[in-house]
Amino acid sequence: MKFRHLALPLIASLALLSACSKQDATGTPTSAADTAPIPAAQALEVLAAQGKGFTAGTLMSANAVYVLFDAQCPHCGHLWESSLPLQSKVKFVWLPVSLLNAKSAPQGAAIMTAANPVEAMTAHEKSLLAGQGGTAASASIAPEVEAAIKANTALLDRLGATSVPFVVAKNLRTGAVVTNAGSLDTEPLAKLLGLGQP
């Protein structure tokens, strides 16, 4: 019994490394999607054309940063908080996926369709990071919203990503398309995006 009490905190601390993966959700890796992989050079164009989500930050910015996230992922919550100081410089497009559990799609749908998705996301992530489970959401999702979340999840697979959050952006300094699997603090996120100091 004592071993169990010691093992649980250890397991919990290992789970908080930096990303949530498909393996975390099911215990076994998920097979790749049957659709064609998306080359890194085309990732931004494909996400802009096919991804569905909500925008936070500088809406008129020509530089879009795409973040594929699962509403049940605490690392996604950390990345959301890290992105807040950068939202005055770039446009973040948050694309919900359903990767981790049965709450992922309903919570992602609730955030995406909220009257103010940025406020909904902020409240959700605060609740999730506090260990309160996040936003209460109906399991009944409008068919078009459910289809959008499934399509986003397929895009994640086609990008070759196995965990969330997954960032796709263009570095402002180099012009290169950059990706990152896992959470980042504000300063490393700014560096990835070529923004300099936050």
N, C-alpha and C. Protein backbone atom coordinates (compact mmCIF):
# COMPACT_ATOMS: atom_id res chain seq x y z
N MET A 1 0.82 -1.19 0.00
CA MET A 1 0.00 0.00 0.00
C MET A 1 0.86 1.26 0.00
N LYS A 2 1.96 1.26 0.78
CA LYS A 2 2.84 2.42 0.82
C LYS A 2 3.47 2.66 -0.55
N PHE A 3 3.82 1.60 -1.27
CA PHE A 3 4.42 1.73 -2.59
C PHE A 3 3.45 2.44 -3.54
N ARG A 4 2.16 2.11 -3.42
CA ARG A 4 1.17 2.74 -4.29
C ARG A 4 1.12 4.24 -4.04
N HIS A 5 1.14 4.66 -2.78
CA HIS A 5 1.09 6.09 -2.45
C HIS A 5 2.33 6.83 -2.94
N LEU A 6 3.46 6.16 -2.98
CA LEU A 6 4.68 6.77 -3.49
C LEU A 6 4.71 6.77 -5.01
N ALA A 7 4.14 5.75 -5.61
CA ALA A 7 4.18 5.62 -7.06
C ALA A 7 3.28 6.63 -7.75
N LEU A 8 2.13 6.96 -7.17
CA LEU A 8 1.20 7.88 -7.82
C LEU A 8 1.79 9.27 -8.05
N PRO A 9 2.45 9.90 -7.05
CA PRO A 9 3.06 11.20 -7.33
C PRO A 9 4.16 11.11 -8.39
N LEU A 10 4.92 10.01 -8.40
CA LEU A 10 5.97 9.84 -9.39
C LEU A 10 5.37 9.74 -10.78
N ILE A 11 4.33 8.95 -10.91
CA ILE A 11 3.67 8.81 -12.22
C ILE A 11 3.09 10.15 -12.65
N ALA A 12 2.46 10.88 -11.75
CA ALA A 12 1.89 12.18 -12.09
C ALA A 12 2.96 13.16 -12.55
N SER A 13 4.11 13.16 -11.88
CA SER A 13 5.17 14.09 -12.28
C SER A 13 5.75 13.72 -13.63
N LEU A 14 5.86 12.44 -13.94
CA LEU A 14 6.36 12.03 -15.25
C LEU A 14 5.38 12.40 -16.36
N ALA A 15 4.09 12.42 -16.05
CA ALA A 15 3.08 12.74 -17.07
C ALA A 15 3.12 14.20 -17.46
N LEU A 16 3.72 15.05 -16.64
CA LEU A 16 3.73 16.48 -16.91
C LEU A 16 5.00 16.94 -17.61
N LEU A 17 5.62 16.10 -18.41
CA LEU A 17 6.88 16.47 -19.06
C LEU A 17 6.72 17.63 -20.02
N SER A 18 6.03 17.48 -21.14
CA SER A 18 5.83 18.64 -22.01
C SER A 18 4.78 18.45 -23.07
N ALA A 19 4.25 17.27 -23.24
CA ALA A 19 3.24 17.06 -24.28
C ALA A 19 2.36 15.89 -23.92
N CYS A 20 1.16 15.87 -24.50
CA CYS A 20 0.24 14.76 -24.36
C CYS A 20 0.23 14.01 -25.68
N SER A 21 0.29 12.68 -25.62
CA SER A 21 0.37 11.92 -26.86
C SER A 21 -0.77 10.93 -26.99
N LYS A 22 -0.91 10.39 -28.20
CA LYS A 22 -1.91 9.37 -28.46
C LYS A 22 -1.67 8.17 -27.56
N GLN A 23 -0.42 7.85 -27.31
CA GLN A 23 -0.10 6.71 -26.47
C GLN A 23 -0.60 6.95 -25.05
N ASP A 24 -0.55 8.20 -24.59
CA ASP A 24 -1.06 8.52 -23.26
C ASP A 24 -2.54 8.17 -23.15
N ALA A 25 -3.28 8.37 -24.23
CA ALA A 25 -4.72 8.19 -24.19
C ALA A 25 -5.12 6.73 -24.21
N THR A 26 -4.45 5.90 -24.96
CA THR A 26 -4.92 4.54 -25.18
C THR A 26 -3.98 3.47 -24.67
N GLY A 27 -2.74 3.82 -24.39
CA GLY A 27 -1.77 2.84 -23.96
C GLY A 27 -0.99 2.24 -25.10
N THR A 28 -1.48 2.44 -26.32
CA THR A 28 -0.76 1.94 -27.50
C THR A 28 -0.76 3.02 -28.56
N PRO A 29 0.28 3.08 -29.38
CA PRO A 29 0.32 4.09 -30.42
C PRO A 29 -0.83 3.91 -31.41
N THR A 30 -1.34 5.04 -31.91
CA THR A 30 -2.40 5.01 -32.91
C THR A 30 -1.77 4.91 -34.29
N SER A 31 -2.42 4.18 -35.18
CA SER A 31 -1.88 4.05 -36.53
C SER A 31 -2.00 5.37 -37.28
N ALA A 32 -1.15 5.55 -38.28
CA ALA A 32 -1.14 6.78 -39.07
C ALA A 32 -2.42 6.85 -39.90
N ALA A 33 -2.82 8.06 -40.22
CA ALA A 33 -4.00 8.25 -41.04
C ALA A 33 -3.76 7.68 -42.43
N ASP A 34 -4.84 7.32 -43.10
CA ASP A 34 -4.75 6.76 -44.44
C ASP A 34 -4.56 7.82 -45.50
N THR A 35 -4.48 9.08 -45.11
CA THR A 35 -4.31 10.16 -46.07
C THR A 35 -2.83 10.52 -46.21
N ALA A 36 -2.53 11.25 -47.25
CA ALA A 36 -1.14 11.59 -47.57
C ALA A 36 -0.53 12.49 -46.50
N PRO A 37 0.73 12.26 -46.17
CA PRO A 37 1.44 13.14 -45.23
C PRO A 37 1.54 14.56 -45.81
N ILE A 38 1.58 15.52 -44.91
CA ILE A 38 1.73 16.92 -45.32
C ILE A 38 3.19 17.30 -45.18
N PRO A 39 3.86 17.67 -46.29
CA PRO A 39 5.26 18.10 -46.18
C PRO A 39 5.35 19.38 -45.34
N ALA A 40 6.42 19.52 -44.57
CA ALA A 40 6.60 20.69 -43.70
C ALA A 40 6.45 22.00 -44.46
N ALA A 41 6.97 22.05 -45.67
CA ALA A 41 6.92 23.29 -46.46
C ALA A 41 5.49 23.70 -46.81
N GLN A 42 4.55 22.75 -46.81
CA GLN A 42 3.16 23.04 -47.16
C GLN A 42 2.24 23.10 -45.94
N ALA A 43 2.78 22.87 -44.77
CA ALA A 43 1.96 22.76 -43.56
C ALA A 43 1.12 24.00 -43.30
N LEU A 44 1.71 25.18 -43.45
CA LEU A 44 0.96 26.41 -43.18
C LEU A 44 -0.21 26.58 -44.14
N GLU A 45 0.03 26.34 -45.42
CA GLU A 45 -1.03 26.50 -46.41
C GLU A 45 -2.16 25.51 -46.17
N VAL A 46 -1.82 24.26 -45.85
CA VAL A 46 -2.83 23.24 -45.61
C VAL A 46 -3.65 23.57 -44.37
N LEU A 47 -2.99 23.98 -43.29
CA LEU A 47 -3.72 24.34 -42.08
C LEU A 47 -4.61 25.55 -42.30
N ALA A 48 -4.12 26.53 -43.06
CA ALA A 48 -4.93 27.72 -43.35
C ALA A 48 -6.17 27.35 -44.16
N ALA A 49 -6.02 26.42 -45.09
CA ALA A 49 -7.13 26.04 -45.97
C ALA A 49 -8.10 25.05 -45.31
N GLN A 50 -7.58 24.14 -44.50
CA GLN A 50 -8.42 23.04 -44.02
C GLN A 50 -8.69 23.04 -42.52
N GLY A 51 -7.88 23.73 -41.72
CA GLY A 51 -8.06 23.73 -40.27
C GLY A 51 -9.22 24.61 -39.85
N LYS A 52 -9.92 24.20 -38.80
CA LYS A 52 -11.04 24.97 -38.25
C LYS A 52 -10.78 25.17 -36.76
N GLY A 53 -10.88 26.42 -36.33
CA GLY A 53 -10.65 26.72 -34.92
C GLY A 53 -11.05 28.14 -34.60
N PHE A 54 -10.33 28.75 -33.69
CA PHE A 54 -10.61 30.14 -33.32
C PHE A 54 -9.30 30.91 -33.26
N THR A 55 -9.42 32.22 -33.42
CA THR A 55 -8.25 33.09 -33.49
C THR A 55 -8.11 33.90 -32.20
N ALA A 56 -6.87 34.03 -31.75
CA ALA A 56 -6.54 34.85 -30.59
C ALA A 56 -5.33 35.70 -30.97
N GLY A 57 -5.31 36.93 -30.48
CA GLY A 57 -4.15 37.78 -30.77
C GLY A 57 -4.46 38.81 -31.83
N THR A 58 -3.44 39.20 -32.56
CA THR A 58 -3.53 40.25 -33.57
C THR A 58 -4.22 39.69 -34.80
N LEU A 59 -5.52 39.95 -34.90
CA LEU A 59 -6.34 39.34 -35.94
C LEU A 59 -5.89 39.72 -37.35
N MET A 60 -5.35 40.91 -37.52
CA MET A 60 -4.95 41.37 -38.86
C MET A 60 -3.51 41.00 -39.21
N SER A 61 -2.83 40.30 -38.33
CA SER A 61 -1.44 39.93 -38.58
C SER A 61 -1.35 38.99 -39.78
N ALA A 62 -0.36 39.23 -40.62
CA ALA A 62 -0.13 38.35 -41.76
C ALA A 62 0.53 37.05 -41.31
N ASN A 63 1.12 37.06 -40.12
CA ASN A 63 1.80 35.88 -39.61
C ASN A 63 0.87 35.11 -38.69
N ALA A 64 0.42 33.94 -39.15
CA ALA A 64 -0.45 33.09 -38.33
C ALA A 64 0.36 31.95 -37.73
N VAL A 65 0.11 31.70 -36.45
CA VAL A 65 0.73 30.60 -35.73
C VAL A 65 -0.39 29.61 -35.45
N TYR A 66 -0.27 28.40 -36.01
CA TYR A 66 -1.30 27.38 -35.82
C TYR A 66 -0.91 26.47 -34.67
N VAL A 67 -1.88 26.25 -33.76
CA VAL A 67 -1.65 25.38 -32.61
C VAL A 67 -2.75 24.33 -32.60
N LEU A 68 -2.37 23.07 -32.83
CA LEU A 68 -3.30 21.96 -32.68
C LEU A 68 -3.26 21.55 -31.23
N PHE A 69 -4.43 21.54 -30.58
CA PHE A 69 -4.47 21.29 -29.14
C PHE A 69 -5.64 20.38 -28.78
N ASP A 70 -5.50 19.70 -27.67
CA ASP A 70 -6.56 18.89 -27.11
C ASP A 70 -7.02 19.58 -25.82
N ALA A 71 -8.30 19.78 -25.68
CA ALA A 71 -8.84 20.50 -24.52
C ALA A 71 -8.53 19.81 -23.20
N GLN A 72 -8.18 18.54 -23.22
CA GLN A 72 -7.86 17.81 -21.99
C GLN A 72 -6.37 17.77 -21.68
N CYS A 73 -5.56 18.43 -22.50
CA CYS A 73 -4.11 18.37 -22.35
C CYS A 73 -3.60 19.53 -21.48
N PRO A 74 -3.00 19.24 -20.32
CA PRO A 74 -2.47 20.31 -19.48
C PRO A 74 -1.29 21.05 -20.13
N HIS A 75 -0.56 20.38 -21.00
CA HIS A 75 0.56 21.04 -21.68
C HIS A 75 0.04 22.08 -22.66
N CYS A 76 -1.12 21.81 -23.25
CA CYS A 76 -1.76 22.79 -24.13
C CYS A 76 -2.18 24.01 -23.31
N GLY A 77 -2.65 23.77 -22.08
CA GLY A 77 -3.00 24.87 -21.18
C GLY A 77 -1.79 25.73 -20.85
N HIS A 78 -0.66 25.08 -20.63
CA HIS A 78 0.57 25.82 -20.36
C HIS A 78 0.98 26.65 -21.57
N LEU A 79 0.87 26.07 -22.77
CA LEU A 79 1.21 26.82 -23.99
C LEU A 79 0.26 28.00 -24.18
N TRP A 80 -1.02 27.81 -23.87
CA TRP A 80 -1.98 28.91 -23.96
C TRP A 80 -1.50 30.07 -23.07
N GLU A 81 -1.14 29.77 -21.84
CA GLU A 81 -0.67 30.82 -20.94
C GLU A 81 0.62 31.46 -21.45
N SER A 82 1.52 30.66 -22.01
CA SER A 82 2.78 31.19 -22.55
C SER A 82 2.54 32.09 -23.75
N SER A 83 1.47 31.82 -24.50
CA SER A 83 1.19 32.61 -25.72
C SER A 83 0.56 33.96 -25.41
N LEU A 84 -0.04 34.12 -24.25
CA LEU A 84 -0.76 35.36 -23.94
C LEU A 84 0.08 36.62 -24.13
N PRO A 85 1.33 36.68 -23.63
CA PRO A 85 2.13 37.89 -23.83
C PRO A 85 2.50 38.15 -25.29
N LEU A 86 2.39 37.14 -26.15
CA LEU A 86 2.77 37.29 -27.56
C LEU A 86 1.59 37.61 -28.46
N GLN A 87 0.39 37.59 -27.90
CA GLN A 87 -0.79 37.79 -28.72
C GLN A 87 -0.92 39.21 -29.27
N SER A 88 -0.15 40.14 -28.74
CA SER A 88 -0.16 41.50 -29.30
C SER A 88 0.75 41.60 -30.52
N LYS A 89 1.51 40.53 -30.81
CA LYS A 89 2.48 40.56 -31.91
C LYS A 89 2.09 39.67 -33.09
N VAL A 90 1.39 38.59 -32.81
CA VAL A 90 1.02 37.64 -33.88
C VAL A 90 -0.41 37.14 -33.67
N LYS A 91 -0.89 36.48 -34.70
CA LYS A 91 -2.22 35.85 -34.66
C LYS A 91 -2.02 34.36 -34.39
N PHE A 92 -2.64 33.87 -33.33
CA PHE A 92 -2.63 32.45 -33.02
C PHE A 92 -3.96 31.86 -33.47
N VAL A 93 -3.92 30.76 -34.18
CA VAL A 93 -5.13 30.04 -34.58
C VAL A 93 -5.09 28.70 -33.86
N TRP A 94 -6.02 28.51 -32.95
CA TRP A 94 -6.07 27.31 -32.10
C TRP A 94 -7.06 26.33 -32.72
N LEU A 95 -6.56 25.15 -33.08
CA LEU A 95 -7.35 24.12 -33.75
C LEU A 95 -7.57 22.95 -32.80
N PRO A 96 -8.80 22.76 -32.30
CA PRO A 96 -9.04 21.65 -31.38
C PRO A 96 -9.00 20.30 -32.09
N VAL A 97 -8.42 19.32 -31.41
CA VAL A 97 -8.39 17.94 -31.88
C VAL A 97 -8.97 17.05 -30.79
N SER A 98 -9.29 15.83 -31.14
CA SER A 98 -9.79 14.86 -30.18
C SER A 98 -8.80 13.71 -30.12
N LEU A 99 -7.97 13.75 -29.10
CA LEU A 99 -6.86 12.81 -29.02
C LEU A 99 -6.85 12.01 -27.72
N LEU A 100 -7.21 12.64 -26.62
CA LEU A 100 -6.93 12.05 -25.32
C LEU A 100 -8.05 11.26 -24.67
N ASN A 101 -9.27 11.81 -24.66
CA ASN A 101 -10.36 11.07 -24.02
C ASN A 101 -11.71 11.59 -24.49
N ALA A 102 -12.79 11.08 -23.91
CA ALA A 102 -14.14 11.41 -24.35
C ALA A 102 -14.51 12.87 -24.12
N LYS A 103 -13.82 13.57 -23.23
CA LYS A 103 -14.11 14.99 -22.99
C LYS A 103 -13.44 15.91 -24.02
N SER A 104 -12.45 15.41 -24.74
CA SER A 104 -11.67 16.25 -25.65
C SER A 104 -12.52 16.96 -26.69
N ALA A 105 -13.33 16.21 -27.44
CA ALA A 105 -14.13 16.81 -28.51
C ALA A 105 -15.22 17.73 -27.96
N PRO A 106 -16.01 17.32 -26.95
CA PRO A 106 -17.04 18.24 -26.45
C PRO A 106 -16.47 19.54 -25.89
N GLN A 107 -15.36 19.46 -25.15
CA GLN A 107 -14.77 20.69 -24.61
C GLN A 107 -14.18 21.54 -25.72
N GLY A 108 -13.50 20.91 -26.68
CA GLY A 108 -12.98 21.66 -27.83
C GLY A 108 -14.09 22.34 -28.60
N ALA A 109 -15.20 21.64 -28.78
CA ALA A 109 -16.36 22.21 -29.48
C ALA A 109 -16.95 23.39 -28.71
N ALA A 110 -17.06 23.23 -27.39
CA ALA A 110 -17.62 24.31 -26.56
C ALA A 110 -16.76 25.56 -26.64
N ILE A 111 -15.45 25.40 -26.62
CA ILE A 111 -14.54 26.54 -26.70
C ILE A 111 -14.63 27.18 -28.08
N MET A 112 -14.55 26.36 -29.12
CA MET A 112 -14.54 26.85 -30.50
C MET A 112 -15.82 27.59 -30.87
N THR A 113 -16.97 27.17 -30.33
CA THR A 113 -18.24 27.78 -30.70
C THR A 113 -18.74 28.80 -29.68
N ALA A 114 -17.95 29.08 -28.67
CA ALA A 114 -18.35 30.07 -27.65
C ALA A 114 -18.48 31.46 -28.29
N ALA A 115 -19.31 32.30 -27.69
CA ALA A 115 -19.47 33.67 -28.18
C ALA A 115 -18.12 34.40 -28.16
N ASN A 116 -17.31 34.12 -27.14
CA ASN A 116 -15.96 34.69 -27.05
C ASN A 116 -14.99 33.53 -26.77
N PRO A 117 -14.46 32.90 -27.82
CA PRO A 117 -13.60 31.74 -27.62
C PRO A 117 -12.35 32.02 -26.78
N VAL A 118 -11.81 33.23 -26.86
CA VAL A 118 -10.61 33.55 -26.09
C VAL A 118 -10.93 33.52 -24.59
N GLU A 119 -12.04 34.13 -24.19
CA GLU A 119 -12.45 34.08 -22.79
C GLU A 119 -12.76 32.65 -22.36
N ALA A 120 -13.45 31.91 -23.24
CA ALA A 120 -13.79 30.52 -22.93
C ALA A 120 -12.54 29.68 -22.75
N MET A 121 -11.55 29.88 -23.62
CA MET A 121 -10.29 29.12 -23.53
C MET A 121 -9.55 29.48 -22.25
N THR A 122 -9.50 30.75 -21.92
CA THR A 122 -8.80 31.19 -20.71
C THR A 122 -9.45 30.57 -19.47
N ALA A 123 -10.77 30.61 -19.39
CA ALA A 123 -11.47 30.02 -18.24
C ALA A 123 -11.27 28.50 -18.20
N HIS A 124 -11.34 27.87 -19.38
CA HIS A 124 -11.16 26.41 -19.45
C HIS A 124 -9.77 26.01 -18.97
N GLU A 125 -8.75 26.67 -19.51
CA GLU A 125 -7.37 26.29 -19.16
C GLU A 125 -7.07 26.56 -17.69
N LYS A 126 -7.63 27.63 -17.15
CA LYS A 126 -7.44 27.91 -15.71
C LYS A 126 -8.04 26.77 -14.88
N SER A 127 -9.23 26.32 -15.25
CA SER A 127 -9.88 25.21 -14.56
C SER A 127 -9.10 23.91 -14.73
N LEU A 128 -8.66 23.65 -15.95
CA LEU A 128 -7.92 22.40 -16.23
C LEU A 128 -6.61 22.37 -15.44
N LEU A 129 -5.86 23.47 -15.47
CA LEU A 129 -4.58 23.51 -14.79
C LEU A 129 -4.73 23.48 -13.27
N ALA A 130 -5.91 23.88 -12.77
CA ALA A 130 -6.18 23.82 -11.33
C ALA A 130 -6.66 22.43 -10.91
N GLY A 131 -6.73 21.51 -11.88
CA GLY A 131 -7.16 20.15 -11.58
C GLY A 131 -8.66 19.98 -11.47
N GLN A 132 -9.43 20.94 -12.03
CA GLN A 132 -10.89 20.91 -11.91
C GLN A 132 -11.56 20.37 -13.18
N GLY A 133 -10.78 19.89 -14.14
CA GLY A 133 -11.35 19.20 -15.30
C GLY A 133 -11.70 20.05 -16.50
N GLY A 134 -11.67 21.37 -16.34
CA GLY A 134 -11.99 22.22 -17.49
C GLY A 134 -13.47 22.54 -17.60
N THR A 135 -13.83 23.10 -18.73
CA THR A 135 -15.19 23.55 -19.02
C THR A 135 -16.17 22.38 -19.03
N ALA A 136 -17.34 22.61 -18.44
CA ALA A 136 -18.41 21.63 -18.56
C ALA A 136 -18.96 21.74 -19.97
N ALA A 137 -19.12 20.61 -20.65
CA ALA A 137 -19.57 20.64 -22.04
C ALA A 137 -20.51 19.48 -22.31
N SER A 138 -21.49 19.74 -23.14
CA SER A 138 -22.44 18.71 -23.53
C SER A 138 -21.76 17.70 -24.45
N ALA A 139 -22.09 16.43 -24.27
CA ALA A 139 -21.53 15.40 -25.15
C ALA A 139 -22.15 15.47 -26.54
N SER A 140 -23.25 16.20 -26.67
CA SER A 140 -23.91 16.37 -27.96
C SER A 140 -23.25 17.52 -28.72
N ILE A 141 -22.62 17.22 -29.84
CA ILE A 141 -21.90 18.22 -30.63
C ILE A 141 -22.59 18.35 -31.98
N ALA A 142 -22.73 19.58 -32.45
CA ALA A 142 -23.30 19.79 -33.79
C ALA A 142 -22.47 19.02 -34.81
N PRO A 143 -23.11 18.37 -35.77
CA PRO A 143 -22.38 17.53 -36.73
C PRO A 143 -21.26 18.26 -37.46
N GLU A 144 -21.47 19.52 -37.85
CA GLU A 144 -20.43 20.25 -38.57
C GLU A 144 -19.23 20.57 -37.68
N VAL A 145 -19.47 20.80 -36.39
CA VAL A 145 -18.38 21.06 -35.45
C VAL A 145 -17.61 19.77 -35.17
N GLU A 146 -18.34 18.67 -35.00
CA GLU A 146 -17.71 17.38 -34.79
C GLU A 146 -16.84 17.00 -36.01
N ALA A 147 -17.36 17.27 -37.20
CA ALA A 147 -16.60 16.99 -38.42
C ALA A 147 -15.33 17.84 -38.49
N ALA A 148 -15.43 19.09 -38.06
CA ALA A 148 -14.26 19.98 -38.07
C ALA A 148 -13.18 19.47 -37.11
N ILE A 149 -13.58 19.01 -35.93
CA ILE A 149 -12.62 18.49 -34.95
C ILE A 149 -11.98 17.20 -35.47
N LYS A 150 -12.78 16.33 -36.09
CA LYS A 150 -12.22 15.12 -36.69
C LYS A 150 -11.24 15.47 -37.81
N ALA A 151 -11.57 16.47 -38.62
CA ALA A 151 -10.67 16.90 -39.70
C ALA A 151 -9.37 17.46 -39.13
N ASN A 152 -9.47 18.25 -38.05
CA ASN A 152 -8.26 18.77 -37.39
C ASN A 152 -7.39 17.63 -36.87
N THR A 153 -8.02 16.61 -36.30
CA THR A 153 -7.29 15.46 -35.78
C THR A 153 -6.58 14.72 -36.91
N ALA A 154 -7.25 14.61 -38.05
CA ALA A 154 -6.63 13.98 -39.23
C ALA A 154 -5.45 14.81 -39.71
N LEU A 155 -5.56 16.14 -39.66
CA LEU A 155 -4.44 17.01 -40.04
C LEU A 155 -3.25 16.78 -39.13
N LEU A 156 -3.50 16.63 -37.83
CA LEU A 156 -2.43 16.35 -36.87
C LEU A 156 -1.69 15.08 -37.28
N ASP A 157 -2.46 14.04 -37.62
CA ASP A 157 -1.86 12.78 -38.08
C ASP A 157 -1.05 12.99 -39.36
N ARG A 158 -1.61 13.71 -40.30
CA ARG A 158 -0.94 13.93 -41.59
C ARG A 158 0.34 14.74 -41.44
N LEU A 159 0.41 15.56 -40.39
CA LEU A 159 1.62 16.33 -40.12
C LEU A 159 2.70 15.47 -39.48
N GLY A 160 2.35 14.23 -39.14
CA GLY A 160 3.31 13.32 -38.52
C GLY A 160 3.46 13.57 -37.03
N ALA A 161 2.55 14.34 -36.44
CA ALA A 161 2.63 14.65 -35.02
C ALA A 161 2.00 13.52 -34.21
N THR A 162 2.60 13.21 -33.09
CA THR A 162 2.07 12.17 -32.22
C THR A 162 1.67 12.71 -30.86
N SER A 163 1.81 14.03 -30.67
CA SER A 163 1.45 14.63 -29.39
C SER A 163 0.97 16.05 -29.60
N VAL A 164 0.32 16.58 -28.57
CA VAL A 164 -0.13 17.96 -28.55
C VAL A 164 0.42 18.64 -27.30
N PRO A 165 0.56 19.95 -27.31
CA PRO A 165 0.27 20.86 -28.42
C PRO A 165 1.27 20.70 -29.55
N PHE A 166 0.83 21.02 -30.76
CA PHE A 166 1.70 20.98 -31.92
C PHE A 166 1.59 22.32 -32.62
N VAL A 167 2.71 23.03 -32.72
CA VAL A 167 2.75 24.38 -33.29
C VAL A 167 3.34 24.33 -34.70
N VAL A 168 2.70 25.05 -35.62
CA VAL A 168 3.21 25.24 -36.97
C VAL A 168 3.17 26.73 -37.26
N ALA A 169 4.30 27.29 -37.65
CA ALA A 169 4.39 28.74 -37.89
C ALA A 169 5.53 29.04 -38.85
N LYS A 170 5.61 30.30 -39.23
CA LYS A 170 6.74 30.77 -40.01
C LYS A 170 7.59 31.65 -39.09
N ASN A 171 8.88 31.35 -39.00
CA ASN A 171 9.77 32.17 -38.19
C ASN A 171 9.93 33.52 -38.89
N LEU A 172 9.61 34.61 -38.18
CA LEU A 172 9.63 35.94 -38.79
C LEU A 172 11.01 36.39 -39.21
N ARG A 173 12.04 35.90 -38.54
CA ARG A 173 13.41 36.31 -38.87
C ARG A 173 13.96 35.55 -40.07
N THR A 174 13.71 34.24 -40.11
CA THR A 174 14.32 33.41 -41.16
C THR A 174 13.38 33.12 -42.33
N GLY A 175 12.08 33.24 -42.09
CA GLY A 175 11.10 32.90 -43.11
C GLY A 175 10.85 31.40 -43.23
N ALA A 176 11.53 30.61 -42.43
CA ALA A 176 11.38 29.15 -42.49
C ALA A 176 10.13 28.70 -41.73
N VAL A 177 9.49 27.65 -42.25
CA VAL A 177 8.38 27.04 -41.53
C VAL A 177 8.97 26.25 -40.37
N VAL A 178 8.43 26.48 -39.18
CA VAL A 178 8.93 25.81 -37.98
C VAL A 178 7.78 25.05 -37.32
N THR A 179 8.12 23.96 -36.67
CA THR A 179 7.14 23.19 -35.92
C THR A 179 7.70 22.89 -34.54
N ASN A 180 6.80 22.63 -33.61
CA ASN A 180 7.22 22.24 -32.27
C ASN A 180 6.14 21.37 -31.65
N ALA A 181 6.54 20.22 -31.16
CA ALA A 181 5.65 19.34 -30.42
C ALA A 181 5.94 19.54 -28.94
N GLY A 182 4.92 19.90 -28.19
CA GLY A 182 5.08 20.11 -26.75
C GLY A 182 4.95 21.57 -26.38
N SER A 183 4.86 21.79 -25.10
CA SER A 183 4.69 23.13 -24.58
C SER A 183 6.02 23.88 -24.51
N LEU A 184 5.92 25.19 -24.54
CA LEU A 184 7.09 26.06 -24.40
C LEU A 184 6.73 27.20 -23.46
N ASP A 185 7.72 27.72 -22.75
CA ASP A 185 7.52 28.96 -22.01
C ASP A 185 7.50 30.11 -23.00
N THR A 186 7.14 31.30 -22.55
CA THR A 186 6.97 32.45 -23.44
C THR A 186 8.25 32.78 -24.21
N GLU A 187 9.38 32.83 -23.54
CA GLU A 187 10.62 33.22 -24.21
C GLU A 187 11.03 32.23 -25.31
N PRO A 188 11.06 30.91 -25.05
CA PRO A 188 11.38 29.97 -26.13
C PRO A 188 10.34 29.99 -27.25
N LEU A 189 9.07 30.24 -26.92
CA LEU A 189 8.04 30.35 -27.96
C LEU A 189 8.31 31.56 -28.85
N ALA A 190 8.65 32.68 -28.23
CA ALA A 190 8.99 33.88 -29.01
C ALA A 190 10.19 33.62 -29.90
N LYS A 191 11.18 32.90 -29.41
CA LYS A 191 12.36 32.58 -30.20
C LYS A 191 11.99 31.69 -31.38
N LEU A 192 11.16 30.67 -31.14
CA LEU A 192 10.72 29.78 -32.22
C LEU A 192 10.03 30.58 -33.33
N LEU A 193 9.26 31.59 -32.93
CA LEU A 193 8.50 32.38 -33.89
C LEU A 193 9.31 33.52 -34.49
N GLY A 194 10.53 33.72 -34.01
CA GLY A 194 11.38 34.80 -34.52
C GLY A 194 10.92 36.17 -34.08
N LEU A 195 10.37 36.26 -32.86
CA LEU A 195 9.83 37.53 -32.37
C LEU A 195 10.81 38.30 -31.51
N GLY A 196 11.90 37.72 -31.13
CA GLY A 196 12.82 38.40 -30.22
C GLY A 196 12.27 38.34 -28.82
N GLN A 197 12.49 39.37 -28.01
CA GLN A 197 12.04 39.39 -26.63
C GLN A 197 10.53 39.60 -26.56
N PRO A 198 9.84 38.83 -25.68
CA PRO A 198 8.39 39.00 -25.53
C PRO A 198 8.03 40.34 -24.91
